Every structure is written in C-alpha cells, then in structure tokens.
Amino acid sequence: MRTHIIRIGNSQGVRIPKALLEECGLSGDVDMTVRDGALVISSAAAPRQGWAEAFREMARRGDDALLDADSTLTSFDEESWEWK
C-alpha cells in the first residue's frame, strides 16, 4: 500500500488504515525504530511484561532465595528495629 507523508501540526506523519492496524494488532502505545533504513512500528512492550511468570518459574525451581540475605542486615536492624 502506498501513502504519503502529511503535515500534523509542527510534525509529519502518515495515516495508517484501520485494516492494516487490525492485521498487525497495533493499538495504543507503539515503539518506533529505524532498521536498515526502514521505519519499524511495533507494539510497545508493557514494563515488566512476563515478570510474574518468570518469578513463578524461579519459585518452582527453588531459585528465588536471597543471595545476600545475611549482608542486608545492619546493627540497626538487629538491635534497634522492632520486627512485627
């Protein structure tokens, strides 16, 4: 499909037909990058996307223990702080 660049305020842009947006599943926020001289528009990944599943997998494997649990406590933690 051929289109042309249009003026949008002080910027420029292109209109993306609804059919193309539906076909590639784009909506809301997107990422734009340049790859090999081409403008690439892709869905913006949600921050921390997939973290919950990764943490569940770590717990399943027993790989979710603190590595430096002893070094995180200070004398304040041991003597002055009241843990409830």
N, C-alpha and C. Protein backbone atom coordinates (compact mmCIF):
# COMPACT_ATOMS: atom_id res chain seq x y z
N MET A 1 0.85 -1.17 0.00
CA MET A 1 0.00 0.00 0.00
C MET A 1 0.90 1.23 0.00
N ARG A 2 0.61 2.15 -0.83
CA ARG A 2 1.38 3.39 -0.91
C ARG A 2 0.58 4.51 -0.25
N THR A 3 1.29 5.36 0.48
CA THR A 3 0.67 6.52 1.11
C THR A 3 1.66 7.67 1.02
N HIS A 4 1.33 8.80 1.58
CA HIS A 4 2.27 9.92 1.56
C HIS A 4 2.36 10.54 2.95
N ILE A 5 3.45 11.24 3.17
CA ILE A 5 3.68 11.89 4.46
C ILE A 5 2.87 13.18 4.49
N ILE A 6 2.16 13.40 5.59
CA ILE A 6 1.31 14.59 5.74
C ILE A 6 1.81 15.44 6.90
N ARG A 7 1.42 16.68 6.88
CA ARG A 7 1.77 17.59 7.98
C ARG A 7 0.74 17.42 9.09
N ILE A 8 1.23 17.27 10.32
CA ILE A 8 0.36 17.18 11.51
C ILE A 8 0.92 18.19 12.52
N GLY A 9 0.37 19.40 12.52
CA GLY A 9 0.91 20.46 13.38
C GLY A 9 2.32 20.79 12.93
N ASN A 10 3.28 20.78 13.88
CA ASN A 10 4.68 21.03 13.56
C ASN A 10 5.42 19.74 13.20
N SER A 11 4.72 18.62 13.16
CA SER A 11 5.33 17.34 12.85
C SER A 11 4.84 16.83 11.50
N GLN A 12 5.27 15.65 11.17
CA GLN A 12 4.80 14.99 9.97
C GLN A 12 4.41 13.57 10.33
N GLY A 13 3.56 12.97 9.55
CA GLY A 13 3.14 11.61 9.85
C GLY A 13 2.49 10.95 8.66
N VAL A 14 2.03 9.74 8.89
CA VAL A 14 1.28 9.00 7.88
C VAL A 14 0.02 8.49 8.53
N ARG A 15 -1.02 8.38 7.73
CA ARG A 15 -2.26 7.77 8.21
C ARG A 15 -2.15 6.28 7.96
N ILE A 16 -2.45 5.50 8.97
CA ILE A 16 -2.38 4.04 8.84
C ILE A 16 -3.82 3.53 8.77
N PRO A 17 -4.18 2.90 7.67
CA PRO A 17 -5.55 2.41 7.53
C PRO A 17 -5.91 1.40 8.63
N LYS A 18 -7.16 1.42 9.03
CA LYS A 18 -7.66 0.54 10.08
C LYS A 18 -7.38 -0.93 9.77
N ALA A 19 -7.54 -1.31 8.53
CA ALA A 19 -7.32 -2.72 8.16
C ALA A 19 -5.88 -3.15 8.44
N LEU A 20 -4.91 -2.28 8.17
CA LEU A 20 -3.51 -2.62 8.46
C LEU A 20 -3.27 -2.71 9.96
N LEU A 21 -3.85 -1.79 10.73
CA LEU A 21 -3.69 -1.83 12.18
C LEU A 21 -4.28 -3.10 12.75
N GLU A 22 -5.44 -3.49 12.26
CA GLU A 22 -6.06 -4.72 12.74
C GLU A 22 -5.25 -5.95 12.35
N GLU A 23 -4.72 -5.94 11.14
CA GLU A 23 -3.95 -7.09 10.67
C GLU A 23 -2.69 -7.32 11.49
N CYS A 24 -2.02 -6.24 11.91
CA CYS A 24 -0.79 -6.41 12.68
C CYS A 24 -1.03 -6.28 14.18
N GLY A 25 -2.26 -5.99 14.61
CA GLY A 25 -2.59 -5.96 16.03
C GLY A 25 -2.07 -4.76 16.78
N LEU A 26 -1.83 -3.65 16.10
CA LEU A 26 -1.33 -2.44 16.77
C LEU A 26 -2.47 -1.62 17.34
N SER A 27 -2.28 -1.15 18.57
CA SER A 27 -3.20 -0.20 19.19
C SER A 27 -2.48 0.43 20.37
N GLY A 28 -2.96 1.56 20.81
CA GLY A 28 -2.36 2.22 21.96
C GLY A 28 -0.94 2.66 21.69
N ASP A 29 -0.06 2.47 22.67
CA ASP A 29 1.33 2.89 22.56
C ASP A 29 2.10 1.94 21.64
N VAL A 30 2.99 2.53 20.84
CA VAL A 30 3.83 1.76 19.95
C VAL A 30 5.28 2.23 20.09
N ASP A 31 6.22 1.38 19.69
CA ASP A 31 7.63 1.73 19.60
C ASP A 31 7.97 1.96 18.14
N MET A 32 8.79 2.98 17.88
CA MET A 32 9.26 3.23 16.52
C MET A 32 10.78 3.14 16.53
N THR A 33 11.33 2.40 15.58
CA THR A 33 12.78 2.28 15.43
C THR A 33 13.11 2.34 13.95
N VAL A 34 14.38 2.56 13.68
CA VAL A 34 14.86 2.52 12.31
C VAL A 34 15.74 1.29 12.18
N ARG A 35 15.43 0.43 11.20
CA ARG A 35 16.20 -0.79 10.99
C ARG A 35 16.51 -0.90 9.50
N ASP A 36 17.79 -0.87 9.18
CA ASP A 36 18.23 -0.97 7.77
C ASP A 36 17.54 0.06 6.89
N GLY A 37 17.43 1.28 7.38
CA GLY A 37 16.85 2.36 6.60
C GLY A 37 15.34 2.36 6.53
N ALA A 38 14.69 1.46 7.27
CA ALA A 38 13.22 1.38 7.26
C ALA A 38 12.68 1.78 8.63
N LEU A 39 11.57 2.47 8.64
CA LEU A 39 10.88 2.81 9.87
C LEU A 39 10.05 1.61 10.30
N VAL A 40 10.30 1.11 11.50
CA VAL A 40 9.59 -0.06 12.00
C VAL A 40 8.73 0.36 13.18
N ILE A 41 7.44 0.08 13.11
CA ILE A 41 6.49 0.39 14.18
C ILE A 41 6.02 -0.93 14.77
N SER A 42 6.18 -1.09 16.09
CA SER A 42 5.79 -2.34 16.74
C SER A 42 5.07 -2.03 18.05
N SER A 43 4.34 -3.01 18.55
CA SER A 43 3.64 -2.83 19.82
C SER A 43 4.64 -2.53 20.92
N ALA A 44 4.29 -1.59 21.78
CA ALA A 44 5.15 -1.25 22.91
C ALA A 44 4.97 -2.33 23.97
N ALA A 45 6.06 -2.92 24.37
CA ALA A 45 6.01 -3.94 25.42
C ALA A 45 5.69 -3.26 26.75
N ALA A 46 4.80 -3.86 27.49
CA ALA A 46 4.47 -3.32 28.80
C ALA A 46 5.67 -3.51 29.73
N PRO A 47 5.97 -2.49 30.56
CA PRO A 47 7.07 -2.66 31.51
C PRO A 47 6.84 -3.89 32.37
N ARG A 48 7.88 -4.64 32.57
CA ARG A 48 7.86 -5.84 33.42
C ARG A 48 6.96 -6.94 32.86
N GLN A 49 6.66 -6.86 31.57
CA GLN A 49 5.84 -7.89 30.95
C GLN A 49 6.55 -9.24 31.06
N GLY A 50 5.85 -10.23 31.55
CA GLY A 50 6.41 -11.56 31.68
C GLY A 50 7.12 -11.83 32.99
N TRP A 51 7.26 -10.81 33.84
CA TRP A 51 7.98 -10.98 35.11
C TRP A 51 7.24 -11.95 36.03
N ALA A 52 5.92 -11.85 36.10
CA ALA A 52 5.17 -12.71 37.02
C ALA A 52 5.41 -14.18 36.69
N GLU A 53 5.35 -14.52 35.41
CA GLU A 53 5.60 -15.90 35.01
C GLU A 53 7.04 -16.31 35.29
N ALA A 54 7.98 -15.41 35.05
CA ALA A 54 9.39 -15.72 35.32
C ALA A 54 9.60 -15.98 36.81
N PHE A 55 8.96 -15.19 37.67
CA PHE A 55 9.09 -15.39 39.12
C PHE A 55 8.45 -16.70 39.56
N ARG A 56 7.31 -17.04 38.96
CA ARG A 56 6.69 -18.33 39.29
C ARG A 56 7.60 -19.49 38.90
N GLU A 57 8.23 -19.38 37.76
CA GLU A 57 9.16 -20.42 37.31
C GLU A 57 10.37 -20.50 38.24
N MET A 58 10.89 -19.35 38.67
CA MET A 58 12.01 -19.35 39.62
C MET A 58 11.62 -20.04 40.92
N ALA A 59 10.42 -19.74 41.42
CA ALA A 59 9.95 -20.35 42.66
C ALA A 59 9.78 -21.85 42.49
N ARG A 60 9.26 -22.26 41.34
CA ARG A 60 9.07 -23.68 41.07
C ARG A 60 10.41 -24.42 41.10
N ARG A 61 11.47 -23.77 40.58
CA ARG A 61 12.79 -24.40 40.56
C ARG A 61 13.55 -24.20 41.87
N GLY A 62 12.98 -23.43 42.82
CA GLY A 62 13.68 -23.15 44.07
C GLY A 62 14.83 -22.17 43.88
N ASP A 63 14.71 -21.34 42.87
CA ASP A 63 15.78 -20.40 42.53
C ASP A 63 15.41 -18.97 42.93
N ASP A 64 14.60 -18.81 43.97
CA ASP A 64 14.13 -17.48 44.35
C ASP A 64 14.60 -17.06 45.74
N ALA A 65 15.64 -17.70 46.28
CA ALA A 65 16.16 -17.33 47.60
C ALA A 65 17.07 -16.11 47.47
N LEU A 66 17.10 -15.29 48.52
CA LEU A 66 18.01 -14.15 48.53
C LEU A 66 19.44 -14.65 48.55
N LEU A 67 20.27 -14.07 47.71
CA LEU A 67 21.66 -14.49 47.66
C LEU A 67 22.51 -13.84 48.75
N ASP A 68 22.11 -12.66 49.19
CA ASP A 68 22.89 -11.94 50.19
C ASP A 68 22.05 -11.59 51.42
N ALA A 69 21.25 -12.50 51.87
CA ALA A 69 20.34 -12.23 52.98
C ALA A 69 21.08 -11.78 54.24
N ASP A 70 22.23 -12.37 54.54
CA ASP A 70 22.97 -12.01 55.75
C ASP A 70 23.59 -10.62 55.65
N SER A 71 23.99 -10.21 54.47
CA SER A 71 24.68 -8.94 54.33
C SER A 71 23.73 -7.75 54.29
N THR A 72 22.42 -8.00 54.21
CA THR A 72 21.49 -6.88 54.12
C THR A 72 21.10 -6.35 55.50
N LEU A 73 21.36 -7.10 56.55
CA LEU A 73 21.01 -6.65 57.90
C LEU A 73 22.14 -5.82 58.48
N THR A 74 21.77 -4.74 59.16
CA THR A 74 22.75 -3.88 59.83
C THR A 74 22.55 -3.99 61.34
N SER A 75 23.43 -3.34 62.10
CA SER A 75 23.27 -3.36 63.56
C SER A 75 21.95 -2.70 63.95
N PHE A 76 21.51 -1.70 63.19
CA PHE A 76 20.21 -1.09 63.47
C PHE A 76 19.10 -2.13 63.34
N ASP A 77 19.18 -2.94 62.28
CA ASP A 77 18.18 -3.99 62.08
C ASP A 77 18.19 -4.98 63.23
N GLU A 78 19.36 -5.34 63.70
CA GLU A 78 19.49 -6.36 64.72
C GLU A 78 19.14 -5.85 66.12
N GLU A 79 19.50 -4.59 66.43
CA GLU A 79 19.41 -4.08 67.80
C GLU A 79 18.28 -3.09 68.03
N SER A 80 18.03 -2.21 67.09
CA SER A 80 17.11 -1.10 67.34
C SER A 80 15.73 -1.28 66.73
N TRP A 81 15.65 -2.01 65.67
CA TRP A 81 14.39 -2.14 64.95
C TRP A 81 13.55 -3.24 65.59
N GLU A 82 12.26 -2.95 65.72
CA GLU A 82 11.35 -3.96 66.26
C GLU A 82 10.57 -4.56 65.09
N TRP A 83 10.83 -5.83 64.82
CA TRP A 83 10.15 -6.52 63.74
C TRP A 83 8.80 -6.99 64.21
N LYS A 84 7.78 -6.72 63.48
CA LYS A 84 6.41 -7.11 63.86
C LYS A 84 5.85 -8.08 62.89
